[in-house]
Amino acid sequence: MANHKSAAKRARQDLKRRDRNRTVRSAVRTQIKALRQAIEAGEKDTATARLRTTERSLRKAASKGVYKKTTASRTVSRLARAVAAI
C-alpha cells in the first residue's frame, strides 16, 4: 500500500488507466479477429471495410499509449497486405 499521498494518487490513476487500456485493447483485438475471419473467408468488400475501422481504432489506441506506435503500424501493415492478397 502507498505510504505517501502522491503514491496513493498514482495508484488510483494506474487502476483507472489499466481499466481503460484493457477495454480499448479488448475492442481492438475483437476488430482484428473479425477482420481476419473476413480475410479467411475471402470476403474482399467486408475485409476492406473492416480494415478501415480496425486501422482507425489501432492508430487511435497507439496515440493514447495503449499500444506502441510501431506495433500498431506493423499490425496495420500486415493486415493491409493480407486484405490486398485476397
Protein backbone atom coordinates (compact mmCIF):
# COMPACT_ATOMS: atom_id res chain seq x y z
CA MET A 1 0.00 0.00 0.00
CA ALA A 2 1.08 3.56 -0.66
CA ASN A 3 2.84 5.44 2.14
CA HIS A 4 2.50 8.93 0.66
CA LYS A 5 -0.43 10.94 -0.59
CA SER A 6 1.15 11.25 -4.06
CA ALA A 7 1.80 7.50 -4.21
CA ALA A 8 -1.83 6.79 -3.33
CA LYS A 9 -2.96 9.10 -6.12
CA ARG A 10 -0.60 7.40 -8.56
CA ALA A 11 -2.06 4.01 -7.57
CA ARG A 12 -5.60 5.29 -8.22
CA GLN A 13 -4.56 6.68 -11.59
CA ASP A 14 -2.89 3.38 -12.51
CA LEU A 15 -6.09 1.47 -11.78
CA LYS A 16 -8.16 3.83 -13.95
CA ARG A 17 -5.66 3.62 -16.79
CA ARG A 18 -5.42 -0.16 -16.55
CA ASP A 19 -9.19 -0.50 -16.87
CA ARG A 20 -9.34 1.91 -19.79
CA ASN A 21 -6.39 0.26 -21.57
CA ARG A 22 -7.88 -3.18 -21.03
CA THR A 23 -11.19 -2.08 -22.57
CA VAL A 24 -9.53 -0.48 -25.59
CA ARG A 25 -7.16 -3.41 -26.15
CA SER A 26 -10.04 -5.87 -25.97
CA ALA A 27 -12.09 -3.90 -28.51
CA VAL A 28 -9.15 -3.68 -30.92
CA ARG A 29 -8.46 -7.41 -30.62
CA THR A 30 -12.11 -8.15 -31.38
CA GLN A 31 -11.95 -5.99 -34.51
CA ILE A 32 -8.74 -7.69 -35.66
CA LYS A 33 -10.32 -11.09 -35.12
CA ALA A 34 -13.37 -10.14 -37.21
CA LEU A 35 -11.11 -8.79 -39.95
CA ARG A 36 -9.03 -11.97 -40.03
CA GLN A 37 -12.21 -14.05 -40.31
CA ALA A 38 -13.32 -11.96 -43.28
CA ILE A 39 -9.88 -12.41 -44.88
CA GLU A 40 -10.00 -16.19 -44.40
CA ALA A 41 -13.50 -16.32 -45.88
CA GLY A 42 -12.26 -14.34 -48.89
CA GLU A 43 -14.82 -11.54 -48.49
CA LYS A 44 -12.97 -8.65 -50.17
CA ASP A 45 -15.61 -5.93 -49.60
CA THR A 46 -16.19 -6.82 -45.97
CA ALA A 47 -12.47 -7.11 -45.29
CA THR A 48 -11.79 -3.72 -46.88
CA ALA A 49 -14.47 -2.03 -44.78
CA ARG A 50 -13.28 -3.74 -41.60
CA LEU A 51 -9.69 -2.81 -42.37
CA ARG A 52 -10.62 0.88 -42.34
CA THR A 53 -12.32 0.70 -38.94
CA THR A 54 -9.61 -1.55 -37.49
CA GLU A 55 -6.82 0.74 -38.68
CA ARG A 56 -8.56 3.77 -37.21
CA SER A 57 -9.02 2.16 -33.80
CA LEU A 58 -5.46 0.78 -33.76
CA ARG A 59 -3.93 4.15 -34.55
CA LYS A 60 -6.17 5.86 -32.01
CA ALA A 61 -5.11 3.33 -29.35
CA ALA A 62 -1.46 3.97 -30.26
CA SER A 63 -1.91 7.72 -29.90
CA LYS A 64 -3.40 7.17 -26.43
CA GLY A 65 -0.47 4.98 -25.42
CA VAL A 66 -2.33 1.66 -25.24
CA TYR A 67 -0.07 0.25 -27.98
CA LYS A 68 3.34 1.44 -29.11
CA LYS A 69 3.14 3.33 -32.39
CA THR A 70 5.47 0.88 -34.14
CA THR A 71 3.40 -2.09 -33.00
CA ALA A 72 0.22 -0.51 -34.34
CA SER A 73 1.88 0.36 -37.65
CA ARG A 74 3.26 -3.14 -38.05
CA THR A 75 -0.13 -4.70 -37.34
CA VAL A 76 -1.91 -2.38 -39.78
CA SER A 77 0.69 -3.12 -42.45
CA ARG A 78 0.30 -6.88 -42.10
CA LEU A 79 -3.47 -6.69 -42.14
CA ALA A 80 -3.44 -4.42 -45.21
CA ARG A 81 -1.17 -6.84 -47.04
CA ALA A 82 -3.47 -9.72 -46.17
CA VAL A 83 -6.52 -7.83 -47.48
CA ALA A 84 -4.68 -6.91 -50.68
CA ALA A 85 -3.77 -10.55 -51.22
CA ILE A 86 -7.44 -11.61 -51.43
